[in-house]
Amino acid sequence: MAFELSEELDTGIVAEYWRIERFEIGTEPGIEYPVAVVTFGLYVTQESRVAGKLPVRRKMARINFVDSQEVADERNAMVAPSNSETVWYVDRATFDFNGNIREQLYTILKQSQDWKTAIDVM
């Protein structure tokens, strides 16, 4: 699973294939609920990733788990799109920490300002 979302780099190259390279879910001092930190790699195409090419850029995403959908909605309404890091909030009760984590992260991030126009790639 990945996202297709075109981005023109400073070099003029257009890259379009975003794939989660790694993620960590943990706690941070002073924060009551877990946080997911996701690293996306941007590849020129899906074929270039399959061929073993390195990503041309990386982008971080931070998913903050909160105690209700109402709190998540309020905080998400204040989040501005970002080229460097996606920040998003989600009700922790809706996340299955024992399920398919990677798939759930894609689904959650697809709701954010940064990824809402991305096309899902299987």
PDB file of N, CA and C in Angstrom:
ATOM      1  N   MET A   1       0.842  -1.172   0.000  1.00  0.00           N
ATOM      2  CA  MET A   1       0.000   0.000   0.000  1.00  0.00           C
ATOM      3  C   MET A   1       0.889   1.238   0.000  1.00  0.00           C
ATOM      4  N   ALA A   2       0.450   2.263  -0.729  1.00  0.00           N
ATOM      5  CA  ALA A   2       1.203   3.509  -0.821  1.00  0.00           C
ATOM      6  C   ALA A   2       0.253   4.606  -1.298  1.00  0.00           C
ATOM      7  N   PHE A   3       0.793   5.815  -1.429  1.00  0.00           N
ATOM      8  CA  PHE A   3       0.041   6.935  -1.977  1.00  0.00           C
ATOM      9  C   PHE A   3       0.682   7.386  -3.272  1.00  0.00           C
ATOM     10  N   GLU A   4      -0.152   7.806  -4.211  1.00  0.00           N
ATOM     11  CA  GLU A   4       0.335   8.479  -5.404  1.00  0.00           C
ATOM     12  C   GLU A   4      -0.081   9.941  -5.272  1.00  0.00           C
ATOM     13  N   LEU A   5       0.928  10.813  -5.202  1.00  0.00           N
ATOM     14  CA  LEU A   5       0.694  12.246  -5.084  1.00  0.00           C
ATOM     15  C   LEU A   5       1.924  12.941  -5.652  1.00  0.00           C
ATOM     16  N   SER A   6       1.756  13.625  -6.771  1.00  0.00           N
ATOM     17  CA  SER A   6       2.886  14.227  -7.480  1.00  0.00           C
ATOM     18  C   SER A   6       3.451  15.426  -6.729  1.00  0.00           C
ATOM     19  N   GLU A   7       4.765  15.526  -6.786  1.00  0.00           N
ATOM     20  CA  GLU A   7       5.472  16.665  -6.209  1.00  0.00           C
ATOM     21  C   GLU A   7       6.657  17.002  -7.107  1.00  0.00           C
ATOM     22  N   GLU A   8       6.763  18.267  -7.490  1.00  0.00           N
ATOM     23  CA  GLU A   8       7.921  18.698  -8.272  1.00  0.00           C
ATOM     24  C   GLU A   8       9.017  19.129  -7.309  1.00  0.00           C
ATOM     25  N   LEU A   9      10.172  18.519  -7.470  1.00  0.00           N
ATOM     26  CA  LEU A   9      11.320  18.832  -6.610  1.00  0.00           C
ATOM     27  C   LEU A   9      12.047  20.060  -7.128  1.00  0.00           C
ATOM     28  N   ASP A  10      12.941  20.611  -6.312  1.00  0.00           N
ATOM     29  CA  ASP A  10      13.735  21.778  -6.709  1.00  0.00           C
ATOM     30  C   ASP A  10      14.543  21.515  -7.975  1.00  0.00           C
ATOM     31  N   THR A  11      14.874  20.270  -8.219  1.00  0.00           N
ATOM     32  CA  THR A  11      15.662  19.891  -9.397  1.00  0.00           C
ATOM     33  C   THR A  11      14.828  19.858 -10.674  1.00  0.00           C
ATOM     34  N   GLY A  12      13.499  19.986 -10.530  1.00  0.00           N
ATOM     35  CA  GLY A  12      12.605  19.911 -11.679  1.00  0.00           C
ATOM     36  C   GLY A  12      12.039  18.525 -11.911  1.00  0.00           C
ATOM     37  N   ILE A  13      12.564  17.538 -11.200  1.00  0.00           N
ATOM     38  CA  ILE A  13      12.053  16.166 -11.314  1.00  0.00           C
ATOM     39  C   ILE A  13      10.695  16.084 -10.624  1.00  0.00           C
ATOM     40  N   VAL A  14       9.770  15.383 -11.246  1.00  0.00           N
ATOM     41  CA  VAL A  14       8.464  15.145 -10.638  1.00  0.00           C
ATOM     42  C   VAL A  14       8.452  13.721 -10.105  1.00  0.00           C
ATOM     43  N   ALA A  15       8.198  13.603  -8.808  1.00  0.00           N
ATOM     44  CA  ALA A  15       8.118  12.293  -8.156  1.00  0.00           C
ATOM     45  C   ALA A  15       6.686  12.119  -7.655  1.00  0.00           C
ATOM     46  N   GLU A  16       6.235  10.844  -7.559  1.00  0.00           N
ATOM     47  CA  GLU A  16       4.816  10.649  -7.262  1.00  0.00           C
ATOM     48  C   GLU A  16       4.481   9.495  -6.319  1.00  0.00           C
ATOM     49  N   TYR A  17       5.432   8.692  -5.945  1.00  0.00           N
ATOM     50  CA  TYR A  17       5.121   7.471  -5.197  1.00  0.00           C
ATOM     51  C   TYR A  17       5.606   7.606  -3.756  1.00  0.00           C
ATOM     52  N   TRP A  18       4.660   7.711  -2.823  1.00  0.00           N
ATOM     53  CA  TRP A  18       4.957   7.857  -1.395  1.00  0.00           C
ATOM     54  C   TRP A  18       4.671   6.535  -0.688  1.00  0.00           C
ATOM     55  N   ARG A  19       5.661   6.045   0.025  1.00  0.00           N
ATOM     56  CA  ARG A  19       5.488   4.766   0.733  1.00  0.00           C
ATOM     57  C   ARG A  19       5.976   4.912   2.161  1.00  0.00           C
ATOM     58  N   ILE A  20       5.257   4.316   3.104  1.00  0.00           N
ATOM     59  CA  ILE A  20       5.721   4.325   4.486  1.00  0.00           C
ATOM     60  C   ILE A  20       6.985   3.484   4.558  1.00  0.00           C
ATOM     61  N   GLU A  21       8.077   4.099   4.987  1.00  0.00           N
ATOM     62  CA  GLU A  21       9.340   3.377   5.152  1.00  0.00           C
ATOM     63  C   GLU A  21       9.443   2.771   6.545  1.00  0.00           C
ATOM     64  N   ARG A  22       8.955   3.504   7.521  1.00  0.00           N
ATOM     65  CA  ARG A  22       8.985   2.984   8.896  1.00  0.00           C
ATOM     66  C   ARG A  22       7.997   3.780   9.748  1.00  0.00           C
ATOM     67  N   PHE A  23       7.635   3.188  10.866  1.00  0.00           N
ATOM     68  CA  PHE A  23       6.787   3.885  11.829  1.00  0.00           C
ATOM     69  C   PHE A  23       7.112   3.384  13.223  1.00  0.00           C
ATOM     70  N   GLU A  24       6.852   4.230  14.185  1.00  0.00           N
ATOM     71  CA  GLU A  24       7.024   3.881  15.595  1.00  0.00           C
ATOM     72  C   GLU A  24       5.810   4.393  16.346  1.00  0.00           C
ATOM     73  N   ILE A  25       5.318   3.587  17.249  1.00  0.00           N
ATOM     74  CA  ILE A  25       4.239   4.028  18.125  1.00  0.00           C
ATOM     75  C   ILE A  25       4.770   3.917  19.540  1.00  0.00           C
ATOM     76  N   GLY A  26       4.705   5.020  20.254  1.00  0.00           N
ATOM     77  CA  GLY A  26       5.229   5.026  21.616  1.00  0.00           C
ATOM     78  C   GLY A  26       4.660   6.180  22.411  1.00  0.00           C
ATOM     79  N   THR A  27       5.223   6.380  23.560  1.00  0.00           N
ATOM     80  CA  THR A  27       4.791   7.471  24.424  1.00  0.00           C
ATOM     81  C   THR A  27       5.920   8.486  24.538  1.00  0.00           C
ATOM     82  N   GLU A  28       5.534   9.685  24.906  1.00  0.00           N
ATOM     83  CA  GLU A  28       6.502  10.753  25.104  1.00  0.00           C
ATOM     84  C   GLU A  28       6.261  11.361  26.472  1.00  0.00           C
ATOM     85  N   PRO A  29       7.297  11.870  27.106  1.00  0.00           N
ATOM     86  CA  PRO A  29       7.136  12.483  28.437  1.00  0.00           C
ATOM     87  C   PRO A  29       6.086  13.595  28.411  1.00  0.00           C
ATOM     88  N   GLY A  30       5.197  13.563  29.382  1.00  0.00           N
ATOM     89  CA  GLY A  30       4.184  14.595  29.513  1.00  0.00           C
ATOM     90  C   GLY A  30       2.978  14.431  28.610  1.00  0.00           C
ATOM     91  N   ILE A  31       2.955  13.393  27.776  1.00  0.00           N
ATOM     92  CA  ILE A  31       1.818  13.152  26.885  1.00  0.00           C
ATOM     93  C   ILE A  31       1.126  11.873  27.353  1.00  0.00           C
ATOM     94  N   GLU A  32      -0.174  11.986  27.600  1.00  0.00           N
ATOM     95  CA  GLU A  32      -0.922  10.881  28.198  1.00  0.00           C
ATOM     96  C   GLU A  32      -1.104   9.684  27.272  1.00  0.00           C
ATOM     97  N   TYR A  33      -1.312   9.944  25.966  1.00  0.00           N
ATOM     98  CA  TYR A  33      -1.628   8.869  25.040  1.00  0.00           C
ATOM     99  C   TYR A  33      -0.490   8.628  24.049  1.00  0.00           C
ATOM    100  N   PRO A  34      -0.491   7.469  23.394  1.00  0.00           N
ATOM    101  CA  PRO A  34       0.572   7.167  22.426  1.00  0.00           C
ATOM    102  C   PRO A  34       0.597   8.139  21.247  1.00  0.00           C
ATOM    103  N   VAL A  35       1.745   8.156  20.599  1.00  0.00           N
ATOM    104  CA  VAL A  35       1.973   8.963  19.407  1.00  0.00           C
ATOM    105  C   VAL A  35       2.559   8.021  18.354  1.00  0.00           C
ATOM    106  N   ALA A  36       2.109   8.162  17.105  1.00  0.00           N
ATOM    107  CA  ALA A  36       2.690   7.400  15.998  1.00  0.00           C
ATOM    108  C   ALA A  36       3.538   8.361  15.165  1.00  0.00           C
ATOM    109  N   VAL A  37       4.773   7.996  14.948  1.00  0.00           N
ATOM    110  CA  VAL A  37       5.658   8.780  14.089  1.00  0.00           C
ATOM    111  C   VAL A  37       5.929   7.941  12.845  1.00  0.00           C
ATOM    112  N   VAL A  38       5.594   8.509  11.693  1.00  0.00           N
ATOM    113  CA  VAL A  38       5.658   7.797  10.422  1.00  0.00           C
ATOM    114  C   VAL A  38       6.651   8.502   9.503  1.00  0.00           C
ATOM    115  N   THR A  39       7.494   7.725   8.821  1.00  0.00           N
ATOM    116  CA  THR A  39       8.406   8.277   7.827  1.00  0.00           C
ATOM    117  C   THR A  39       8.010   7.763   6.454  1.00  0.00           C
ATOM    118  N   PHE A  40       7.684   8.703   5.567  1.00  0.00           N
ATOM    119  CA  PHE A  40       7.376   8.383   4.171  1.00  0.00           C
ATOM    120  C   PHE A  40       8.616   8.600   3.321  1.00  0.00           C
ATOM    121  N   GLY A  41       8.812   7.734   2.348  1.00  0.00           N
ATOM    122  CA  GLY A  41       9.822   7.944   1.325  1.00  0.00           C
ATOM    123  C   GLY A  41       9.119   8.295   0.030  1.00  0.00           C
ATOM    124  N   LEU A  42       9.613   9.324  -0.653  1.00  0.00           N
ATOM    125  CA  LEU A  42       9.067   9.711  -1.951  1.00  0.00           C
ATOM    126  C   LEU A  42       9.986   9.185  -3.040  1.00  0.00           C
ATOM    127  N   TYR A  43       9.412   8.388  -3.927  1.00  0.00           N
ATOM    128  CA  TYR A  43      10.141   7.814  -5.053  1.00  0.00           C
ATOM    129  C   TYR A  43       9.608   8.425  -6.340  1.00  0.00           C
ATOM    130  N   VAL A  44      10.431   8.454  -7.352  1.00  0.00           N
ATOM    131  CA  VAL A  44       9.985   9.002  -8.632  1.00  0.00           C
ATOM    132  C   VAL A  44       8.745   8.255  -9.111  1.00  0.00           C
ATOM    133  N   THR A  45       8.791   6.933  -9.072  1.00  0.00           N
ATOM    134  CA  THR A  45       7.652   6.090  -9.444  1.00  0.00           C
ATOM    135  C   THR A  45       7.662   4.834  -8.579  1.00  0.00           C
ATOM    136  N   GLN A  46       6.584   4.090  -8.630  1.00  0.00           N
ATOM    137  CA  GLN A  46       6.532   2.803  -7.937  1.00  0.00           C
ATOM    138  C   GLN A  46       7.595   1.868  -8.510  1.00  0.00           C
ATOM    139  N   GLU A  47       7.770   1.919  -9.807  1.00  0.00           N
ATOM    140  CA  GLU A  47       8.761   1.058 -10.461  1.00  0.00           C
ATOM    141  C   GLU A  47      10.177   1.356  -9.973  1.00  0.00           C
ATOM    142  N   SER A  48      10.472   2.627  -9.727  1.00  0.00           N
ATOM    143  CA  SER A  48      11.817   2.970  -9.249  1.00  0.00           C
ATOM    144  C   SER A  48      12.059   2.409  -7.842  1.00  0.00           C
ATOM    145  N   ARG A  49      11.016   2.383  -7.011  1.00  0.00           N
ATOM    146  CA  ARG A  49      11.164   1.797  -5.677  1.00  0.00           C
ATOM    147  C   ARG A  49      11.386   0.292  -5.778  1.00  0.00           C
ATOM    148  N   VAL A  50      10.591  -0.370  -6.625  1.00  0.00           N
ATOM    149  CA  VAL A  50      10.723  -1.818  -6.806  1.00  0.00           C
ATOM    150  C   VAL A  50      12.113  -2.160  -7.351  1.00  0.00           C
ATOM    151  N   ALA A  51      12.661  -1.274  -8.173  1.00  0.00           N
ATOM    152  CA  ALA A  51      13.991  -1.495  -8.752  1.00  0.00           C
ATOM    153  C   ALA A  51      15.120  -1.217  -7.756  1.00  0.00           C
ATOM    154  N   GLY A  52      14.774  -0.813  -6.542  1.00  0.00           N
ATOM    155  CA  GLY A  52      15.793  -0.608  -5.520  1.00  0.00           C
ATOM    156  C   GLY A  52      16.366   0.797  -5.449  1.00  0.00           C
ATOM    157  N   LYS A  53      15.772   1.738  -6.153  1.00  0.00           N
ATOM    158  CA  LYS A  53      16.237   3.126  -6.084  1.00  0.00           C
ATOM    159  C   LYS A  53      15.928   3.699  -4.705  1.00  0.00           C
ATOM    160  N   LEU A  54      16.712   4.687  -4.315  1.00  0.00           N
ATOM    161  CA  LEU A  54      16.499   5.344  -3.028  1.00  0.00           C
ATOM    162  C   LEU A  54      15.434   6.425  -3.161  1.00  0.00           C
ATOM    163  N   PRO A  55      14.771   6.761  -2.059  1.00  0.00           N
ATOM    164  CA  PRO A  55      13.801   7.854  -2.125  1.00  0.00           C
ATOM    165  C   PRO A  55      14.504   9.178  -2.433  1.00  0.00           C
ATOM    166  N   VAL A  56      13.807  10.055  -3.142  1.00  0.00           N
ATOM    167  CA  VAL A  56      14.371  11.359  -3.483  1.00  0.00           C
ATOM    168  C   VAL A  56      14.097  12.378  -2.378  1.00  0.00           C
ATOM    169  N   ARG A  57      13.186  12.028  -1.470  1.00  0.00           N
ATOM    170  CA  ARG A  57      12.850  12.903  -0.355  1.00  0.00           C
ATOM    171  C   ARG A  57      12.118  12.087   0.698  1.00  0.00           C
ATOM    172  N   ARG A  58      12.129  12.599   1.916  1.00  0.00           N
ATOM    173  CA  ARG A  58      11.367  11.962   3.001  1.00  0.00           C
ATOM    174  C   ARG A  58      10.456  13.005   3.635  1.00  0.00           C
ATOM    175  N   LYS A  59       9.377  12.517   4.206  1.00  0.00           N
ATOM    176  CA  LYS A  59       8.440  13.391   4.911  1.00  0.00           C
ATOM    177  C   LYS A  59       7.957  12.658   6.148  1.00  0.00           C
ATOM    178  N   MET A  60       7.897  13.387   7.243  1.00  0.00           N
ATOM    179  CA  MET A  60       7.447  12.807   8.500  1.00  0.00           C
ATOM    180  C   MET A  60       5.952  13.073   8.686  1.00  0.00           C
ATOM    181  N   ALA A  61       5.322  12.192   9.417  1.00  0.00           N
ATOM    182  CA  ALA A  61       3.934  12.386   9.835  1.00  0.00           C
ATOM    183  C   ALA A  61       3.849  12.013  11.304  1.00  0.00           C
ATOM    184  N   ARG A  62       3.068  12.763  12.038  1.00  0.00           N
ATOM    185  CA  ARG A  62       2.889  12.514  13.465  1.00  0.00           C
ATOM    186  C   ARG A  62       1.393  12.396  13.719  1.00  0.00           C
ATOM    187  N   ILE A  63       0.998  11.244  14.224  1.00  0.00           N
ATOM    188  CA  ILE A  63      -0.401  11.012  14.570  1.00  0.00           C
ATOM    189  C   ILE A  63      -0.500  11.015  16.089  1.00  0.00           C
ATOM    190  N   ASN A  64      -1.297  11.936  16.592  1.00  0.00           N
ATOM    191  CA  ASN A  64      -1.491  12.078  18.033  1.00  0.00           C
ATOM    192  C   ASN A  64      -2.811  11.433  18.417  1.00  0.00           C
ATOM    193  N   PHE A  65      -2.762  10.470  19.302  1.00  0.00           N
ATOM    194  CA  PHE A  65      -3.974   9.800  19.765  1.00  0.00           C
ATOM    195  C   PHE A  65      -4.549  10.603  20.932  1.00  0.00           C
ATOM    196  N   VAL A  66      -5.841  10.898  20.853  1.00  0.00           N
ATOM    197  CA  VAL A  66      -6.518  11.681  21.887  1.00  0.00           C
ATOM    198  C   VAL A  66      -7.715  10.907  22.410  1.00  0.00           C
ATOM    199  N   ASP A  67      -8.403  11.478  23.454  1.00  0.00           N
ATOM    200  CA  ASP A  67      -9.439  10.699  24.120  1.00  0.00           C
ATOM    201  C   ASP A  67     -10.823  10.732  23.505  1.00  0.00           C
ATOM    202  N   SER A  68     -11.048  11.479  22.429  1.00  0.00           N
ATOM    203  CA  SER A  68     -12.374  11.447  21.810  1.00  0.00           C
ATOM    204  C   SER A  68     -12.311  11.960  20.371  1.00  0.00           C
ATOM    205  N   GLN A  69     -13.324  11.609  19.591  1.00  0.00           N
ATOM    206  CA  GLN A  69     -13.397  12.100  18.220  1.00  0.00           C
ATOM    207  C   GLN A  69     -13.625  13.604  18.212  1.00  0.00           C
ATOM    208  N   GLU A  70     -14.352  14.093  19.199  1.00  0.00           N
ATOM    209  CA  GLU A  70     -14.611  15.531  19.296  1.00  0.00           C
ATOM    210  C   GLU A  70     -13.301  16.318  19.468  1.00  0.00           C
ATOM    211  N   VAL A  71     -12.432  15.846  20.340  1.00  0.00           N
ATOM    212  CA  VAL A  71     -11.132  16.499  20.541  1.00  0.00           C
ATOM    213  C   VAL A  71     -10.303  16.407  19.266  1.00  0.00           C
ATOM    214  N   ALA A  72     -10.307  15.238  18.626  1.00  0.00           N
ATOM    215  CA  ALA A  72      -9.559  15.066  17.374  1.00  0.00           C
ATOM    216  C   ALA A  72     -10.062  16.039  16.308  1.00  0.00           C
ATOM    217  N   ASP A  73     -11.378  16.150  16.153  1.00  0.00           N
ATOM    218  CA  ASP A  73     -11.951  17.049  15.151  1.00  0.00           C
ATOM    219  C   ASP A  73     -11.576  18.503  15.427  1.00  0.00           C
ATOM    220  N   GLU A  74     -11.645  18.925  16.696  1.00  0.00           N
ATOM    221  CA  GLU A  74     -11.292  20.301  17.062  1.00  0.00           C
ATOM    222  C   GLU A  74      -9.833  20.611  16.712  1.00  0.00           C
ATOM    223  N   ARG A  75      -8.951  19.687  17.052  1.00  0.00           N
ATOM    224  CA  ARG A  75      -7.522  19.913  16.787  1.00  0.00           C
ATOM    225  C   ARG A  75      -7.192  19.826  15.302  1.00  0.00           C
ATOM    226  N   ASN A  76      -7.825  18.893  14.596  1.00  0.00           N
ATOM    227  CA  ASN A  76      -7.576  18.760  13.156  1.00  0.00           C
ATOM    228  C   ASN A  76      -8.043  19.998  12.391  1.00  0.00           C
ATOM    229  N   ALA A  77      -9.075  20.667  12.892  1.00  0.00           N
ATOM    230  CA  ALA A  77      -9.579  21.880  12.236  1.00  0.00           C
ATOM    231  C   ALA A  77      -8.538  22.998  12.259  1.00  0.00           C
ATOM    232  N   MET A  78      -7.587  22.913  13.176  1.00  0.00           N
ATOM    233  CA  MET A  78      -6.556  23.953  13.303  1.00  0.00           C
ATOM    234  C   MET A  78      -5.248  23.592  12.601  1.00  0.00           C
ATOM    235  N   VAL A  79      -5.159  22.390  12.046  1.00  0.00           N
ATOM    236  CA  VAL A  79      -3.925  21.931  11.409  1.00  0.00           C
ATOM    237  C   VAL A  79      -3.823  22.496   9.999  1.00  0.00           C
ATOM    238  N   ALA A  80      -2.681  23.109   9.702  1.00  0.00           N
ATOM    239  CA  ALA A  80      -2.435  23.647   8.358  1.00  0.00           C
ATOM    240  C   ALA A  80      -1.605  22.649   7.554  1.00  0.00           C
ATOM    241  N   PRO A  81      -1.801  22.607   6.229  1.00  0.00           N
ATOM    242  CA  PRO A  81      -0.972  21.730   5.394  1.00  0.00           C
ATOM    243  C   PRO A  81       0.506  22.081   5.554  1.00  0.00           C
ATOM    244  N   SER A  82       1.358  21.069   5.399  1.00  0.00           N
ATOM    245  CA  SER A  82       2.795  21.280   5.570  1.00  0.00           C
ATOM    246  C   SER A  82       3.578  20.429   4.582  1.00  0.00           C
ATOM    247  N   ASN A  83       4.648  20.989   4.069  1.00  0.00           N
ATOM    248  CA  ASN A  83       5.537  20.248   3.178  1.00  0.00           C
ATOM    249  C   ASN A  83       6.504  19.356   3.936  1.00  0.00           C
ATOM    250  N   SER A  84       6.767  19.691   5.207  1.00  0.00           N
ATOM    251  CA  SER A  84       7.795  18.957   5.935  1.00  0.00           C
ATOM    252  C   SER A  84       7.251  17.896   6.892  1.00  0.00           C
ATOM    253  N   GLU A  85       6.135  18.185   7.558  1.00  0.00           N
ATOM    254  CA  GLU A  85       5.603  17.214   8.515  1.00  0.00           C
ATOM    255  C   GLU A  85       4.089  17.307   8.584  1.00  0.00           C
ATOM    256  N   THR A  86       3.439  16.178   8.453  1.00  0.00           N
ATOM    257  CA  THR A  86       1.998  16.094   8.633  1.00  0.00           C
ATOM    258  C   THR A  86       1.717  15.875  10.113  1.00  0.00           C
ATOM    259  N   VAL A  87       0.772  16.619  10.652  1.00  0.00           N
ATOM    260  CA  VAL A  87       0.317  16.404  12.028  1.00  0.00           C
ATOM    261  C   VAL A  87      -1.177  16.125  11.952  1.00  0.00           C
ATOM    262  N   TRP A  88      -1.610  15.076  12.643  1.00  0.00           N
ATOM    263  CA  TRP A  88      -3.022  14.711  12.615  1.00  0.00           C
ATOM    264  C   TRP A  88      -3.408  14.101  13.952  1.00  0.00           C
ATOM    265  N   TYR A  89      -4.675  14.232  14.313  1.00  0.00           N
ATOM    266  CA  TYR A  89      -5.191  13.720  15.583  1.00  0.00           C
ATOM    267  C   TYR A  89      -6.269  12.679  15.318  1.00  0.00           C
ATOM    268  N   VAL A  90      -6.308  11.665  16.155  1.00  0.00           N
ATOM    269  CA  VAL A  90      -7.297  10.595  15.977  1.00  0.00           C
ATOM    270  C   VAL A  90      -7.731  10.086  17.350  1.00  0.00           C
ATOM    271  N   ASP A  91      -8.993   9.713  17.440  1.00  0.00           N
ATOM    272  CA  ASP A  91      -9.547   9.138  18.665  1.00  0.00           C
ATOM    273  C   ASP A  91      -8.876   7.784  18.899  1.00  0.00           C
ATOM    274  N   ARG A  92      -8.218   7.626  20.013  1.00  0.00           N
ATOM    275  CA  ARG A  92      -7.471   6.387  20.279  1.00  0.00           C
ATOM    276  C   ARG A  92      -8.376   5.166  20.332  1.00  0.00           C
ATOM    277  N   ALA A  93      -9.653   5.368  20.660  1.00  0.00           N
ATOM    278  CA  ALA A  93     -10.593   4.240  20.748  1.00  0.00           C
ATOM    279  C   ALA A  93     -10.889   3.638  19.373  1.00  0.00           C
ATOM    280  N   THR A  94     -10.607   4.378  18.301  1.00  0.00           N
ATOM    281  CA  THR A  94     -10.896   3.873  16.954  1.00  0.00           C
ATOM    282  C   THR A  94      -9.706   3.153  16.332  1.00  0.00           C
ATOM    283  N   PHE A  95      -8.585   3.125  17.029  1.00  0.00           N
ATOM    284  CA  PHE A  95      -7.362   2.514  16.487  1.00  0.00           C
ATOM    285  C   PHE A  95      -7.145   1.145  17.107  1.00  0.00           C
ATOM    286  N   ASP A  96      -6.946   0.140  16.284  1.00  0.00           N
ATOM    287  CA  ASP A  96      -6.697  -1.217  16.767  1.00  0.00           C
ATOM    288  C   ASP A  96      -5.186  -1.438  16.832  1.00  0.00           C
ATOM    289  N   PHE A  97      -4.624  -1.292  18.018  1.00  0.00           N
ATOM    290  CA  PHE A  97      -3.180  -1.419  18.196  1.00  0.00           C
ATOM    291  C   PHE A  97      -2.680  -2.842  17.944  1.00  0.00           C
ATOM    292  N   ASN A  98      -3.586  -3.801  17.832  1.00  0.00           N
ATOM    293  CA  ASN A  98      -3.214  -5.180  17.542  1.00  0.00           C
ATOM    294  C   ASN A  98      -3.526  -5.572  16.100  1.00  0.00           C
ATOM    295  N   GLY A  99      -4.079  -4.643  15.331  1.00  0.00           N
ATOM    296  CA  GLY A  99      -4.468  -4.930  13.957  1.00  0.00           C
ATOM    297  C   GLY A  99      -3.359  -4.604  12.967  1.00  0.00           C
ATOM    298  N   ASN A 100      -3.740  -4.399  11.708  1.00  0.00           N
ATOM    299  CA  ASN A 100      -2.795  -4.052  10.656  1.00  0.00           C
ATOM    300  C   ASN A 100      -2.449  -2.574  10.802  1.00  0.00           C
ATOM    301  N   ILE A 101      -1.375  -2.294  11.506  1.00  0.00           N
ATOM    302  CA  ILE A 101      -0.982  -0.928  11.859  1.00  0.00           C
ATOM    303  C   ILE A 101      -0.718  -0.097  10.599  1.00  0.00           C
ATOM    304  N   ARG A 102       0.062  -0.626   9.689  1.00  0.00           N
ATOM    305  CA  ARG A 102       0.442   0.118   8.482  1.00  0.00           C
ATOM    306  C   ARG A 102      -0.802   0.552   7.691  1.00  0.00           C
ATOM    307  N   GLU A 103      -1.733  -0.349   7.496  1.00  0.00           N
ATOM    308  CA  GLU A 103      -2.958  -0.035   6.754  1.00  0.00           C
ATOM    309  C   GLU A 103      -3.760   1.053   7.471  1.00  0.00           C
ATOM    310  N   GLN A 104      -3.844   0.958   8.790  1.00  0.00           N
ATOM    311  CA  GLN A 104      -4.581   1.958   9.556  1.00  0.00           C
ATOM    312  C   GLN A 104      -3.909   3.332   9.464  1.00  0.00           C
ATOM    313  N   LEU A 105      -2.580   3.364   9.455  1.00  0.00           N
ATOM    314  CA  LEU A 105      -1.867   4.641   9.348  1.00  0.00           C
ATOM    315  C   LEU A 105      -2.163   5.313   8.009  1.00  0.00           C
ATOM    316  N   TYR A 106      -2.145   4.535   6.921  1.00  0.00           N
ATOM    317  CA  TYR A 106      -2.505   5.095   5.613  1.00  0.00           C
ATOM    318  C   TYR A 106      -3.934   5.658   5.642  1.00  0.00           C
ATOM    319  N   THR A 107      -4.869   4.903   6.202  1.00  0.00           N
ATOM    320  CA  THR A 107      -6.267   5.335   6.254  1.00  0.00           C
ATOM    321  C   THR A 107      -6.415   6.625   7.046  1.00  0.00           C
ATOM    322  N   ILE A 108      -5.751   6.717   8.172  1.00  0.00           N
ATOM    323  CA  ILE A 108      -5.814   7.923   9.004  1.00  0.00           C
ATOM    324  C   ILE A 108      -5.213   9.114   8.276  1.00  0.00           C
ATOM    325  N   LEU A 109      -4.026   8.933   7.715  1.00  0.00           N
ATOM    326  CA  LEU A 109      -3.343  10.054   7.069  1.00  0.00           C
ATOM    327  C   LEU A 109      -4.065  10.524   5.806  1.00  0.00           C
ATOM    328  N   LYS A 110      -4.801   9.644   5.164  1.00  0.00           N
ATOM    329  CA  LYS A 110      -5.563  10.016   3.970  1.00  0.00           C
ATOM    330  C   LYS A 110      -6.611  11.079   4.312  1.00  0.00           C
ATOM    331  N   GLN A 111      -6.986  11.205   5.566  1.00  0.00           N
ATOM    332  CA  GLN A 111      -7.962  12.200   6.008  1.00  0.00           C
ATOM    333  C   GLN A 111      -7.333  13.576   6.225  1.00  0.00           C
ATOM    334  N   SER A 112      -6.016  13.642   6.315  1.00  0.00           N
ATOM    335  CA  SER A 112      -5.328  14.901   6.638  1.00  0.00           C
ATOM    336  C   SER A 112      -5.259  15.834   5.434  1.00  0.00           C
ATOM    337  N   GLN A 113      -5.020  17.102   5.707  1.00  0.00           N
ATOM    338  CA  GLN A 113      -4.897  18.110   4.654  1.00  0.00           C
ATOM    339  C   GLN A 113      -3.802  17.747   3.652  1.00  0.00           C
ATOM    340  N   ASP A 114      -2.698  17.198   4.124  1.00  0.00           N
ATOM    341  CA  ASP A 114      -1.555  16.911   3.253  1.00  0.00           C
ATOM    342  C   ASP A 114      -1.792  15.755   2.291  1.00  0.00           C
ATOM    343  N   TRP A 115      -2.634  14.801   2.677  1.00  0.00           N
ATOM    344  CA  TRP A 115      -2.772  13.568   1.899  1.00  0.00           C
ATOM    345  C   TRP A 115      -4.163  13.347   1.332  1.00  0.00           C
ATOM    346  N   LYS A 116      -5.112  14.246   1.551  1.00  0.00           N
ATOM    347  CA  LYS A 116      -6.497  13.993   1.150  1.00  0.00           C
ATOM    348  C   LYS A 116      -6.685  13.834  -0.354  1.00  0.00           C
ATOM    349  N   THR A 117      -5.803  14.384  -1.174  1.00  0.00           N
ATOM    350  CA  THR A 117      -5.946  14.240  -2.629  1.00  0.00           C
ATOM    351  C   THR A 117      -5.100  13.095  -3.202  1.00  0.00           C
ATOM    352  N   ALA A 118      -4.409  12.377  -2.325  1.00  0.00           N
ATOM    353  CA  ALA A 118      -3.575  11.256  -2.779  1.00  0.00           C
ATOM    354  C   ALA A 118      -4.448  10.098  -3.260  1.00  0.00           C
ATOM    355  N   ILE A 119      -3.911   9.364  -4.202  1.00  0.00           N
ATOM    356  CA  ILE A 119      -4.564   8.170  -4.726  1.00  0.00           C
ATOM    357  C   ILE A 119      -3.941   6.956  -4.025  1.00  0.00           C
ATOM    358  N   ASP A 120      -4.791   6.050  -3.559  1.00  0.00           N
ATOM    359  CA  ASP A 120      -4.291   4.833  -2.915  1.00  0.00           C
ATOM    360  C   ASP A 120      -3.691   3.908  -3.974  1.00  0.00           C
ATOM    361  N   VAL A 121      -2.522   3.368  -3.672  1.00  0.00           N
ATOM    362  CA  VAL A 121      -1.850   2.414  -4.555  1.00  0.00           C
ATOM    363  C   VAL A 121      -1.664   1.127  -3.791  1.00  0.00           C
ATOM    364  N   MET A 122      -2.103   0.034  -4.389  1.00  0.00           N
ATOM    365  CA  MET A 122      -1.966  -1.275  -3.732  1.00  0.00           C
ATOM    366  C   MET A 122      -0.746  -2.000  -4.236  1.00  0.00           C
TER     367      MET A 122
END
